Amino acid sequence: MGELRKFKDLEIDWNMTPEDAVALYLEWGNTGYAGYECRVKGKCDYSNYFVVYSWDEKPKVFLIRRNSDGTEELATLDLPKDLEKGFLKKTSGFKGVYEPTKEIKDWLKKELYN
């Protein structure tokens, strides 16, 4: 799991959701959507955040960098079995791209910073 530690100095927006990222960078960029005070001024503005992608057989966590020009996947992680089970229960197994649960965020912070 050491792959994630190389991003320990990266500024992560732990409150960014997939919906907020799309709204902020692609749709309504400068409206202060969902309480975000930041304004996207150009392609130099970006956010780093995590999402859980559950379109495949097993959900995966992606570390994403997004700006108004596109998305870059910085890292892809498999969820530990206990977190996978809890996530699937919470989402009722529906496919999609989700904000990580509190438990997943706690695990990610441990993997990043410990």
C-alpha atoms as a PDB file:
ATOM      1  CA  MET A   1       0.000   0.000   0.000  1.00  0.00           C
ATOM      2  CA  GLY A   2       3.086   2.247   0.026  1.00  0.00           C
ATOM      3  CA  GLU A   3       1.939   3.655  -3.313  1.00  0.00           C
ATOM      4  CA  LEU A   4      -0.264   6.198  -1.527  1.00  0.00           C
ATOM      5  CA  ARG A   5       2.471   7.528   0.764  1.00  0.00           C
ATOM      6  CA  LYS A   6       4.171   9.291  -2.121  1.00  0.00           C
ATOM      7  CA  PHE A   7       1.188  11.678  -2.115  1.00  0.00           C
ATOM      8  CA  LYS A   8       1.466  12.562   1.599  1.00  0.00           C
ATOM      9  CA  ASP A   9       2.495  16.164   0.825  1.00  0.00           C
ATOM     10  CA  LEU A  10      -0.317  16.688  -1.682  1.00  0.00           C
ATOM     11  CA  GLU A  11      -3.080  19.010  -0.546  1.00  0.00           C
ATOM     12  CA  ILE A  12      -6.201  16.821  -0.429  1.00  0.00           C
ATOM     13  CA  ASP A  13      -9.684  18.328  -0.367  1.00  0.00           C
ATOM     14  CA  TRP A  14     -11.354  15.845   1.993  1.00  0.00           C
ATOM     15  CA  ASN A  15     -14.734  17.564   1.572  1.00  0.00           C
ATOM     16  CA  MET A  16     -14.825  17.479  -2.230  1.00  0.00           C
ATOM     17  CA  THR A  17     -17.470  15.141  -3.589  1.00  0.00           C
ATOM     18  CA  PRO A  18     -17.686  13.944  -7.190  1.00  0.00           C
ATOM     19  CA  GLU A  19     -20.776  16.114  -7.661  1.00  0.00           C
ATOM     20  CA  ASP A  20     -19.051  19.188  -6.244  1.00  0.00           C
ATOM     21  CA  ALA A  21     -16.029  18.668  -8.492  1.00  0.00           C
ATOM     22  CA  VAL A  22     -18.164  18.465 -11.631  1.00  0.00           C
ATOM     23  CA  ALA A  23     -20.184  21.512 -10.599  1.00  0.00           C
ATOM     24  CA  LEU A  24     -17.139  23.546  -9.640  1.00  0.00           C
ATOM     25  CA  TYR A  25     -14.910  22.727 -12.582  1.00  0.00           C
ATOM     26  CA  LEU A  26     -17.239  21.818 -15.420  1.00  0.00           C
ATOM     27  CA  GLU A  27     -20.719  23.232 -15.024  1.00  0.00           C
ATOM     28  CA  TRP A  28     -21.163  26.220 -12.748  1.00  0.00           C
ATOM     29  CA  GLY A  29     -17.520  26.848 -11.963  1.00  0.00           C
ATOM     30  CA  ASN A  30     -17.743  30.298 -10.451  1.00  0.00           C
ATOM     31  CA  THR A  31     -20.957  30.175  -8.469  1.00  0.00           C
ATOM     32  CA  GLY A  32     -19.648  29.103  -5.070  1.00  0.00           C
ATOM     33  CA  TYR A  33     -21.595  25.855  -5.487  1.00  0.00           C
ATOM     34  CA  ALA A  34     -22.404  23.910  -2.298  1.00  0.00           C
ATOM     35  CA  GLY A  35     -20.730  26.493  -0.115  1.00  0.00           C
ATOM     36  CA  TYR A  36     -17.339  26.338  -1.816  1.00  0.00           C
ATOM     37  CA  GLU A  37     -15.794  29.755  -1.627  1.00  0.00           C
ATOM     38  CA  CYS A  38     -13.051  29.023  -4.125  1.00  0.00           C
ATOM     39  CA  ARG A  39     -13.492  30.348  -7.592  1.00  0.00           C
ATOM     40  CA  VAL A  40     -12.051  28.642 -10.625  1.00  0.00           C
ATOM     41  CA  LYS A  41     -10.074  31.268 -12.490  1.00  0.00           C
ATOM     42  CA  GLY A  42      -8.285  29.059 -14.960  1.00  0.00           C
ATOM     43  CA  LYS A  43      -6.574  25.772 -15.701  1.00  0.00           C
ATOM     44  CA  CYS A  44      -4.044  26.455 -12.926  1.00  0.00           C
ATOM     45  CA  ASP A  45      -6.802  25.953 -10.327  1.00  0.00           C
ATOM     46  CA  TYR A  46      -7.247  22.305  -9.380  1.00  0.00           C
ATOM     47  CA  SER A  47      -8.414  19.998  -6.598  1.00  0.00           C
ATOM     48  CA  ASN A  48      -7.062  16.676  -5.357  1.00  0.00           C
ATOM     49  CA  TYR A  49      -9.686  14.393  -3.874  1.00  0.00           C
ATOM     50  CA  PHE A  50     -10.741  10.767  -3.507  1.00  0.00           C
ATOM     51  CA  VAL A  51     -13.716   8.981  -5.048  1.00  0.00           C
ATOM     52  CA  VAL A  52     -15.020   5.440  -4.811  1.00  0.00           C
ATOM     53  CA  TYR A  53     -15.734   4.010  -8.249  1.00  0.00           C
ATOM     54  CA  SER A  54     -18.185   1.114  -8.126  1.00  0.00           C
ATOM     55  CA  TRP A  55     -19.019   0.453 -11.774  1.00  0.00           C
ATOM     56  CA  ASP A  56     -16.759  -2.596 -11.843  1.00  0.00           C
ATOM     57  CA  GLU A  57     -17.254  -5.863  -9.982  1.00  0.00           C
ATOM     58  CA  LYS A  58     -15.294  -4.566  -6.978  1.00  0.00           C
ATOM     59  CA  PRO A  59     -15.280  -0.921  -5.892  1.00  0.00           C
ATOM     60  CA  LYS A  60     -11.977   0.934  -6.147  1.00  0.00           C
ATOM     61  CA  VAL A  61     -10.726   4.181  -4.679  1.00  0.00           C
ATOM     62  CA  PHE A  62      -9.182   6.743  -6.998  1.00  0.00           C
ATOM     63  CA  LEU A  63      -7.083   9.743  -6.053  1.00  0.00           C
ATOM     64  CA  ILE A  64      -8.147  12.351  -8.588  1.00  0.00           C
ATOM     65  CA  ARG A  65      -6.685  15.683  -9.685  1.00  0.00           C
ATOM     66  CA  ARG A  66      -9.262  17.781 -11.509  1.00  0.00           C
ATOM     67  CA  ASN A  67      -9.145  21.149 -13.162  1.00  0.00           C
ATOM     68  CA  SER A  68     -11.366  22.786 -15.759  1.00  0.00           C
ATOM     69  CA  ASP A  69      -9.411  21.028 -18.496  1.00  0.00           C
ATOM     70  CA  GLY A  70      -9.939  17.456 -17.279  1.00  0.00           C
ATOM     71  CA  THR A  71      -9.176  14.749 -14.762  1.00  0.00           C
ATOM     72  CA  GLU A  72      -6.010  12.856 -13.948  1.00  0.00           C
ATOM     73  CA  GLU A  73      -6.061   9.639 -11.919  1.00  0.00           C
ATOM     74  CA  LEU A  74      -3.067   9.822  -9.597  1.00  0.00           C
ATOM     75  CA  ALA A  75      -3.589   6.496  -7.797  1.00  0.00           C
ATOM     76  CA  THR A  76      -5.965   3.516  -7.788  1.00  0.00           C
ATOM     77  CA  LEU A  77      -6.511   1.448  -4.654  1.00  0.00           C
ATOM     78  CA  ASP A  78      -8.428  -1.689  -3.808  1.00  0.00           C
ATOM     79  CA  LEU A  79     -10.580  -1.391  -0.720  1.00  0.00           C
ATOM     80  CA  PRO A  80      -9.860  -3.719   2.196  1.00  0.00           C
ATOM     81  CA  LYS A  81     -12.584  -6.402   2.439  1.00  0.00           C
ATOM     82  CA  ASP A  82     -14.232  -4.933   5.562  1.00  0.00           C
ATOM     83  CA  LEU A  83     -14.453  -1.461   4.028  1.00  0.00           C
ATOM     84  CA  GLU A  84     -15.687  -2.886   0.727  1.00  0.00           C
ATOM     85  CA  LYS A  85     -18.462  -4.768   2.497  1.00  0.00           C
ATOM     86  CA  GLY A  86     -19.524  -1.685   4.500  1.00  0.00           C
ATOM     87  CA  PHE A  87     -19.442   0.522   1.413  1.00  0.00           C
ATOM     88  CA  LEU A  88     -21.559  -1.878  -0.657  1.00  0.00           C
ATOM     89  CA  LYS A  89     -24.067  -2.137   2.164  1.00  0.00           C
ATOM     90  CA  LYS A  90     -24.294   1.664   2.480  1.00  0.00           C
ATOM     91  CA  THR A  91     -24.801   2.129  -1.281  1.00  0.00           C
ATOM     92  CA  SER A  92     -27.079  -0.932  -1.579  1.00  0.00           C
ATOM     93  CA  GLY A  93     -24.700  -2.173  -4.273  1.00  0.00           C
ATOM     94  CA  PHE A  94     -25.706   0.572  -6.720  1.00  0.00           C
ATOM     95  CA  LYS A  95     -23.137   1.385  -9.384  1.00  0.00           C
ATOM     96  CA  GLY A  96     -21.689   4.870  -9.482  1.00  0.00           C
ATOM     97  CA  VAL A  97     -18.976   7.247  -8.380  1.00  0.00           C
ATOM     98  CA  TYR A  98     -19.252   8.154  -4.709  1.00  0.00           C
ATOM     99  CA  GLU A  99     -17.659  10.256  -2.030  1.00  0.00           C
ATOM    100  CA  PRO A 100     -15.675   7.986   0.295  1.00  0.00           C
ATOM    101  CA  THR A 101     -17.435   7.105   3.532  1.00  0.00           C
ATOM    102  CA  LYS A 102     -16.004   8.330   6.838  1.00  0.00           C
ATOM    103  CA  GLU A 103     -14.489   4.887   7.400  1.00  0.00           C
ATOM    104  CA  ILE A 104     -12.808   4.936   3.981  1.00  0.00           C
ATOM    105  CA  LYS A 105     -11.486   8.478   4.577  1.00  0.00           C
ATOM    106  CA  ASP A 106     -10.059   7.391   7.935  1.00  0.00           C
ATOM    107  CA  TRP A 107      -8.310   4.450   6.230  1.00  0.00           C
ATOM    108  CA  LEU A 108      -6.965   6.708   3.464  1.00  0.00           C
ATOM    109  CA  LYS A 109      -5.605   9.225   5.980  1.00  0.00           C
ATOM    110  CA  LYS A 110      -3.886   6.403   7.851  1.00  0.00           C
ATOM    111  CA  GLU A 111      -2.353   5.097   4.609  1.00  0.00           C
ATOM    112  CA  LEU A 112      -1.226   8.602   3.584  1.00  0.00           C
ATOM    113  CA  TYR A 113       0.155   9.958   6.824  1.00  0.00           C
ATOM    114  CA  ASN A 114       1.305   6.994   8.966  1.00  0.00           C
END
